[in-house]
Amino acid sequence: MSFHRKVIPKPLPEKWDPTGLWHQLLDKPDSYLETSVTAMYIYTVAHAVNEGWISPKYITIANEGWKGLATKITPDGQMQDVCIGTNMDEALKFYYTRPTELNDTHGLGAFLLAGTEMIKAEKNNKP
């Protein structure tokens, strides 16, 4: 919990794109916007708010991410721009050039986790 309190309030808003999406490389705004990392951040922030680990004011980060993520879901329910499974590499070029796929499973899983926490957050904010 102390990690959430320390990390979420400070660096995240300056790292996220105005679309609400997150970059493949968080500290490289010239890297592409990627949906699975966006979903993972939405989940992390919303879960931390829902558990009371961080202030409810940070739900705006998750809300903006959720709006951005919605733009990556096609009308027929396909999830776009998910980086394929990635091993580790020391070269930044490796991450800049990772291909994306439609409906890559780790992106779908992160999307479902994020959605679950967003539903909880919405229920928690109703009178």
N, C-alpha and C. Protein backbone atom coordinates (compact mmCIF):
# COMPACT_ATOMS: atom_id res chain seq x y z
N MET A 1 0.81 -1.19 0.00
CA MET A 1 0.00 0.00 0.00
C MET A 1 0.86 1.26 0.00
N SER A 2 1.96 1.23 0.72
CA SER A 2 2.81 2.42 0.73
C SER A 2 3.35 2.70 -0.67
N PHE A 3 3.58 1.64 -1.46
CA PHE A 3 4.01 1.82 -2.84
C PHE A 3 2.96 2.62 -3.61
N HIS A 4 1.69 2.24 -3.48
CA HIS A 4 0.62 2.94 -4.18
C HIS A 4 0.55 4.40 -3.76
N ARG A 5 0.65 4.64 -2.46
CA ARG A 5 0.57 6.03 -1.97
C ARG A 5 1.75 6.87 -2.44
N LYS A 6 2.89 6.23 -2.60
CA LYS A 6 4.08 6.96 -3.01
C LYS A 6 4.13 7.17 -4.53
N VAL A 7 3.79 6.16 -5.29
CA VAL A 7 4.00 6.20 -6.74
C VAL A 7 2.83 6.79 -7.51
N ILE A 8 1.62 6.43 -7.19
CA ILE A 8 0.48 6.84 -8.02
C ILE A 8 0.28 8.36 -8.03
N PRO A 9 0.25 9.03 -6.91
CA PRO A 9 -0.03 10.46 -6.96
C PRO A 9 0.99 11.31 -7.69
N LYS A 10 2.23 10.89 -7.75
CA LYS A 10 3.27 11.78 -8.29
C LYS A 10 3.54 11.61 -9.78
N PRO A 11 4.14 10.52 -10.21
CA PRO A 11 4.59 10.51 -11.60
C PRO A 11 3.52 10.20 -12.63
N LEU A 12 2.44 9.58 -12.26
CA LEU A 12 1.51 9.10 -13.28
C LEU A 12 0.88 10.19 -14.13
N PRO A 13 0.28 11.22 -13.57
CA PRO A 13 -0.37 12.19 -14.46
C PRO A 13 0.55 12.83 -15.49
N GLU A 14 1.80 13.02 -15.15
CA GLU A 14 2.71 13.63 -16.13
C GLU A 14 3.15 12.63 -17.19
N LYS A 15 2.91 11.35 -17.00
CA LYS A 15 3.32 10.34 -17.96
C LYS A 15 2.20 9.96 -18.92
N TRP A 16 0.96 10.28 -18.57
CA TRP A 16 -0.11 9.78 -19.40
C TRP A 16 -0.47 10.76 -20.48
N ASP A 17 -0.87 10.23 -21.62
CA ASP A 17 -1.17 11.03 -22.80
C ASP A 17 -2.51 11.75 -22.62
N PRO A 18 -2.71 12.90 -23.25
CA PRO A 18 -3.99 13.61 -23.14
C PRO A 18 -5.20 12.77 -23.59
N THR A 19 -4.96 11.74 -24.38
CA THR A 19 -6.06 10.84 -24.79
C THR A 19 -6.52 9.95 -23.65
N GLY A 20 -5.75 9.90 -22.56
CA GLY A 20 -6.04 8.99 -21.46
C GLY A 20 -5.27 7.69 -21.57
N LEU A 21 -4.67 7.46 -22.72
CA LEU A 21 -3.91 6.23 -22.95
C LEU A 21 -2.47 6.39 -22.47
N TRP A 22 -1.80 5.28 -22.28
CA TRP A 22 -0.42 5.25 -21.83
C TRP A 22 0.48 4.77 -22.96
N HIS A 23 1.70 5.22 -22.92
CA HIS A 23 2.67 4.85 -23.95
C HIS A 23 3.30 3.49 -23.66
N GLN A 24 3.68 2.82 -24.72
CA GLN A 24 4.40 1.54 -24.61
C GLN A 24 5.59 1.68 -23.67
N LEU A 25 6.33 2.74 -23.80
CA LEU A 25 7.42 3.08 -22.89
C LEU A 25 6.95 4.31 -22.11
N LEU A 26 6.68 4.13 -20.84
CA LEU A 26 6.02 5.17 -20.05
C LEU A 26 6.74 6.50 -20.05
N ASP A 27 8.06 6.47 -20.09
CA ASP A 27 8.81 7.73 -20.05
C ASP A 27 9.25 8.20 -21.43
N LYS A 28 8.66 7.63 -22.48
CA LYS A 28 9.01 8.00 -23.86
C LYS A 28 7.74 8.37 -24.62
N PRO A 29 7.36 9.65 -24.61
CA PRO A 29 6.11 10.04 -25.26
C PRO A 29 6.10 9.85 -26.77
N ASP A 30 7.26 9.56 -27.35
CA ASP A 30 7.27 9.27 -28.78
C ASP A 30 7.03 7.78 -29.08
N SER A 31 6.91 6.96 -28.03
CA SER A 31 6.54 5.56 -28.25
C SER A 31 5.02 5.49 -28.43
N TYR A 32 4.56 4.41 -29.01
CA TYR A 32 3.14 4.34 -29.36
C TYR A 32 2.24 4.14 -28.14
N LEU A 33 0.99 4.55 -28.30
CA LEU A 33 -0.01 4.37 -27.26
C LEU A 33 -0.45 2.91 -27.27
N GLU A 34 -0.47 2.29 -26.09
CA GLU A 34 -0.66 0.85 -26.02
C GLU A 34 -1.80 0.53 -25.05
N THR A 35 -2.65 -0.39 -25.43
CA THR A 35 -3.87 -0.63 -24.66
C THR A 35 -3.68 -1.50 -23.43
N SER A 36 -2.81 -2.51 -23.47
CA SER A 36 -2.70 -3.37 -22.29
C SER A 36 -2.06 -2.62 -21.11
N VAL A 37 -1.05 -1.79 -21.38
CA VAL A 37 -0.46 -1.02 -20.29
C VAL A 37 -1.47 -0.01 -19.75
N THR A 38 -2.28 0.56 -20.64
CA THR A 38 -3.33 1.47 -20.19
C THR A 38 -4.29 0.74 -19.26
N ALA A 39 -4.72 -0.44 -19.67
CA ALA A 39 -5.65 -1.22 -18.84
C ALA A 39 -5.02 -1.59 -17.50
N MET A 40 -3.73 -1.93 -17.49
CA MET A 40 -3.07 -2.28 -16.24
C MET A 40 -2.99 -1.09 -15.29
N TYR A 41 -2.74 0.11 -15.82
CA TYR A 41 -2.71 1.29 -14.97
C TYR A 41 -4.11 1.65 -14.48
N ILE A 42 -5.10 1.51 -15.34
CA ILE A 42 -6.48 1.76 -14.89
C ILE A 42 -6.80 0.83 -13.73
N TYR A 43 -6.51 -0.45 -13.91
CA TYR A 43 -6.78 -1.43 -12.85
C TYR A 43 -6.06 -1.05 -11.56
N THR A 44 -4.77 -0.75 -11.65
CA THR A 44 -3.98 -0.45 -10.46
C THR A 44 -4.52 0.76 -9.71
N VAL A 45 -4.80 1.82 -10.43
CA VAL A 45 -5.29 3.05 -9.79
C VAL A 45 -6.70 2.84 -9.22
N ALA A 46 -7.60 2.28 -10.02
CA ALA A 46 -8.98 2.09 -9.55
C ALA A 46 -9.02 1.12 -8.36
N HIS A 47 -8.24 0.07 -8.42
CA HIS A 47 -8.20 -0.89 -7.31
C HIS A 47 -7.69 -0.21 -6.04
N ALA A 48 -6.64 0.58 -6.16
CA ALA A 48 -6.09 1.28 -5.00
C ALA A 48 -7.10 2.26 -4.40
N VAL A 49 -7.84 2.95 -5.26
CA VAL A 49 -8.89 3.85 -4.77
C VAL A 49 -9.99 3.03 -4.10
N ASN A 50 -10.44 1.98 -4.75
CA ASN A 50 -11.53 1.15 -4.21
C ASN A 50 -11.18 0.52 -2.87
N GLU A 51 -9.91 0.20 -2.68
CA GLU A 51 -9.47 -0.40 -1.41
C GLU A 51 -9.18 0.65 -0.34
N GLY A 52 -9.22 1.93 -0.71
CA GLY A 52 -8.94 2.99 0.24
C GLY A 52 -7.46 3.22 0.48
N TRP A 53 -6.62 2.69 -0.40
CA TRP A 53 -5.17 2.83 -0.24
C TRP A 53 -4.69 4.21 -0.65
N ILE A 54 -5.40 4.84 -1.58
CA ILE A 54 -5.06 6.19 -2.02
C ILE A 54 -6.34 7.02 -2.05
N SER A 55 -6.19 8.31 -2.13
CA SER A 55 -7.32 9.23 -2.13
C SER A 55 -8.26 8.99 -3.31
N PRO A 56 -9.57 9.11 -3.07
CA PRO A 56 -10.54 8.97 -4.16
C PRO A 56 -10.33 9.97 -5.30
N LYS A 57 -9.63 11.07 -5.04
CA LYS A 57 -9.42 12.05 -6.11
C LYS A 57 -8.64 11.46 -7.28
N TYR A 58 -7.89 10.39 -7.05
CA TYR A 58 -7.09 9.79 -8.12
C TYR A 58 -7.90 8.92 -9.07
N ILE A 59 -9.18 8.74 -8.78
CA ILE A 59 -10.01 7.98 -9.71
C ILE A 59 -10.10 8.69 -11.06
N THR A 60 -9.83 9.99 -11.09
CA THR A 60 -9.85 10.70 -12.37
C THR A 60 -8.81 10.13 -13.33
N ILE A 61 -7.68 9.66 -12.81
CA ILE A 61 -6.67 9.02 -13.66
C ILE A 61 -7.27 7.79 -14.33
N ALA A 62 -7.95 6.97 -13.54
CA ALA A 62 -8.57 5.77 -14.09
C ALA A 62 -9.71 6.13 -15.05
N ASN A 63 -10.50 7.13 -14.69
CA ASN A 63 -11.61 7.54 -15.57
C ASN A 63 -11.10 8.00 -16.94
N GLU A 64 -10.06 8.82 -16.94
CA GLU A 64 -9.50 9.30 -18.21
C GLU A 64 -8.92 8.14 -19.02
N GLY A 65 -8.25 7.24 -18.33
CA GLY A 65 -7.72 6.06 -19.02
C GLY A 65 -8.83 5.21 -19.61
N TRP A 66 -9.92 5.06 -18.87
CA TRP A 66 -11.05 4.25 -19.34
C TRP A 66 -11.67 4.87 -20.59
N LYS A 67 -11.79 6.20 -20.59
CA LYS A 67 -12.31 6.88 -21.79
C LYS A 67 -11.38 6.63 -22.98
N GLY A 68 -10.08 6.75 -22.75
CA GLY A 68 -9.12 6.51 -23.82
C GLY A 68 -9.16 5.07 -24.30
N LEU A 69 -9.25 4.15 -23.36
CA LEU A 69 -9.30 2.73 -23.72
C LEU A 69 -10.53 2.42 -24.55
N ALA A 70 -11.63 3.08 -24.26
CA ALA A 70 -12.87 2.85 -25.02
C ALA A 70 -12.68 3.18 -26.50
N THR A 71 -11.77 4.10 -26.81
CA THR A 71 -11.54 4.45 -28.22
C THR A 71 -10.81 3.34 -28.97
N LYS A 72 -10.26 2.38 -28.24
CA LYS A 72 -9.53 1.27 -28.84
C LYS A 72 -10.37 0.00 -28.96
N ILE A 73 -11.64 0.11 -28.63
CA ILE A 73 -12.57 -1.01 -28.79
C ILE A 73 -13.41 -0.72 -30.02
N THR A 74 -13.36 -1.63 -30.98
CA THR A 74 -14.10 -1.44 -32.23
C THR A 74 -15.59 -1.65 -32.00
N PRO A 75 -16.44 -1.19 -32.92
CA PRO A 75 -17.89 -1.38 -32.76
C PRO A 75 -18.30 -2.85 -32.58
N ASP A 76 -17.51 -3.77 -33.12
CA ASP A 76 -17.85 -5.19 -32.94
C ASP A 76 -17.12 -5.82 -31.75
N GLY A 77 -16.53 -4.99 -30.87
CA GLY A 77 -15.96 -5.48 -29.62
C GLY A 77 -14.52 -5.96 -29.67
N GLN A 78 -13.79 -5.62 -30.71
CA GLN A 78 -12.39 -6.02 -30.83
C GLN A 78 -11.49 -5.00 -30.12
N MET A 79 -10.46 -5.47 -29.46
CA MET A 79 -9.53 -4.59 -28.76
C MET A 79 -8.30 -4.37 -29.63
N GLN A 80 -8.04 -3.11 -29.96
CA GLN A 80 -6.95 -2.75 -30.86
C GLN A 80 -5.68 -2.37 -30.11
N ASP A 81 -4.57 -2.43 -30.83
CA ASP A 81 -3.28 -1.89 -30.37
C ASP A 81 -2.75 -2.49 -29.07
N VAL A 82 -2.84 -3.81 -28.97
CA VAL A 82 -2.27 -4.51 -27.84
C VAL A 82 -0.90 -5.04 -28.26
N CYS A 83 0.13 -4.63 -27.55
CA CYS A 83 1.48 -5.13 -27.85
C CYS A 83 1.49 -6.64 -27.61
N ILE A 84 2.08 -7.37 -28.54
CA ILE A 84 2.15 -8.82 -28.36
C ILE A 84 3.03 -9.14 -27.16
N GLY A 85 2.94 -10.35 -26.65
CA GLY A 85 3.75 -10.76 -25.52
C GLY A 85 5.21 -10.39 -25.73
N THR A 86 5.83 -9.88 -24.69
CA THR A 86 7.16 -9.29 -24.83
C THR A 86 8.13 -9.87 -23.81
N ASN A 87 9.28 -10.30 -24.29
CA ASN A 87 10.38 -10.65 -23.41
C ASN A 87 11.12 -9.37 -23.04
N MET A 88 12.14 -9.49 -22.23
CA MET A 88 12.92 -8.31 -21.85
C MET A 88 14.08 -8.10 -22.80
N ASP A 89 14.43 -6.85 -22.98
CA ASP A 89 15.58 -6.50 -23.80
C ASP A 89 16.12 -5.17 -23.29
N GLU A 90 17.41 -4.99 -23.38
CA GLU A 90 18.03 -3.74 -22.93
C GLU A 90 17.93 -2.63 -23.97
N ALA A 91 17.68 -2.98 -25.21
CA ALA A 91 17.64 -1.99 -26.28
C ALA A 91 16.24 -1.38 -26.40
N LEU A 92 16.17 -0.06 -26.32
CA LEU A 92 14.88 0.61 -26.45
C LEU A 92 14.20 0.31 -27.78
N LYS A 93 15.00 0.17 -28.83
CA LYS A 93 14.43 -0.10 -30.15
C LYS A 93 13.53 -1.33 -30.13
N PHE A 94 13.89 -2.31 -29.33
CA PHE A 94 13.09 -3.53 -29.19
C PHE A 94 11.65 -3.18 -28.81
N TYR A 95 11.49 -2.26 -27.87
CA TYR A 95 10.16 -1.90 -27.39
C TYR A 95 9.44 -0.95 -28.34
N TYR A 96 10.19 -0.10 -28.99
CA TYR A 96 9.58 0.82 -29.96
C TYR A 96 8.98 0.06 -31.15
N THR A 97 9.55 -1.07 -31.47
CA THR A 97 9.15 -1.78 -32.68
C THR A 97 8.32 -3.03 -32.42
N ARG A 98 7.90 -3.24 -31.20
CA ARG A 98 7.07 -4.41 -30.90
C ARG A 98 5.76 -4.29 -31.67
N PRO A 99 5.36 -5.35 -32.35
CA PRO A 99 4.09 -5.29 -33.09
C PRO A 99 2.89 -5.34 -32.15
N THR A 100 1.78 -4.85 -32.65
CA THR A 100 0.53 -4.94 -31.90
C THR A 100 -0.40 -5.91 -32.62
N GLU A 101 -1.34 -6.43 -31.86
CA GLU A 101 -2.33 -7.35 -32.42
C GLU A 101 -3.72 -6.95 -31.95
N LEU A 102 -4.67 -7.45 -32.66
CA LEU A 102 -6.07 -7.32 -32.28
C LEU A 102 -6.36 -8.44 -31.28
N ASN A 103 -6.92 -8.08 -30.14
CA ASN A 103 -7.38 -9.05 -29.14
C ASN A 103 -6.29 -9.94 -28.55
N ASP A 104 -5.08 -9.46 -28.43
CA ASP A 104 -4.06 -10.27 -27.76
C ASP A 104 -4.56 -10.57 -26.34
N THR A 105 -4.41 -11.82 -25.91
CA THR A 105 -5.07 -12.25 -24.68
C THR A 105 -4.63 -11.50 -23.43
N HIS A 106 -3.37 -11.12 -23.32
CA HIS A 106 -2.99 -10.41 -22.09
C HIS A 106 -3.62 -9.02 -22.05
N GLY A 107 -3.89 -8.45 -23.19
CA GLY A 107 -4.60 -7.17 -23.23
C GLY A 107 -6.06 -7.32 -22.82
N LEU A 108 -6.67 -8.41 -23.27
CA LEU A 108 -8.07 -8.66 -22.91
C LEU A 108 -8.21 -8.91 -21.42
N GLY A 109 -7.27 -9.66 -20.85
CA GLY A 109 -7.31 -9.92 -19.41
C GLY A 109 -7.18 -8.64 -18.60
N ALA A 110 -6.25 -7.79 -19.00
CA ALA A 110 -6.06 -6.52 -18.30
C ALA A 110 -7.30 -5.64 -18.44
N PHE A 111 -7.92 -5.67 -19.62
CA PHE A 111 -9.15 -4.90 -19.86
C PHE A 111 -10.26 -5.37 -18.92
N LEU A 112 -10.41 -6.68 -18.76
CA LEU A 112 -11.45 -7.21 -17.87
C LEU A 112 -11.18 -6.83 -16.41
N LEU A 113 -9.93 -6.91 -15.98
CA LEU A 113 -9.59 -6.49 -14.62
C LEU A 113 -9.89 -5.01 -14.41
N ALA A 114 -9.49 -4.19 -15.38
CA ALA A 114 -9.75 -2.75 -15.28
C ALA A 114 -11.25 -2.48 -15.23
N GLY A 115 -11.99 -3.13 -16.10
CA GLY A 115 -13.45 -2.93 -16.13
C GLY A 115 -14.11 -3.30 -14.82
N THR A 116 -13.66 -4.38 -14.21
CA THR A 116 -14.21 -4.81 -12.92
C THR A 116 -14.00 -3.73 -11.86
N GLU A 117 -12.81 -3.16 -11.81
CA GLU A 117 -12.53 -2.11 -10.82
C GLU A 117 -13.28 -0.82 -11.14
N MET A 118 -13.46 -0.52 -12.41
CA MET A 118 -14.21 0.68 -12.78
C MET A 118 -15.68 0.54 -12.39
N ILE A 119 -16.24 -0.65 -12.54
CA ILE A 119 -17.63 -0.88 -12.10
C ILE A 119 -17.72 -0.70 -10.59
N LYS A 120 -16.77 -1.26 -9.85
CA LYS A 120 -16.76 -1.09 -8.39
C LYS A 120 -16.66 0.39 -8.02
N ALA A 121 -15.79 1.12 -8.71
CA ALA A 121 -15.62 2.55 -8.42
C ALA A 121 -16.91 3.31 -8.68
N GLU A 122 -17.58 2.97 -9.76
CA GLU A 122 -18.85 3.64 -10.07
C GLU A 122 -19.89 3.35 -8.99
N LYS A 123 -19.97 2.11 -8.55
CA LYS A 123 -20.92 1.74 -7.49
C LYS A 123 -20.58 2.44 -6.17
N ASN A 124 -19.28 2.57 -5.88
CA ASN A 124 -18.85 3.23 -4.65
C ASN A 124 -19.19 4.72 -4.63
N ASN A 125 -19.29 5.33 -5.79
CA ASN A 125 -19.55 6.77 -5.87
C ASN A 125 -21.02 7.12 -5.97
N LYS A 126 -21.90 6.12 -5.98
CA LYS A 126 -23.34 6.40 -6.03
C LYS A 126 -23.86 6.56 -4.61
N PRO A 127 -24.80 7.51 -4.43
CA PRO A 127 -25.35 7.72 -3.07
C PRO A 127 -26.19 6.55 -2.61
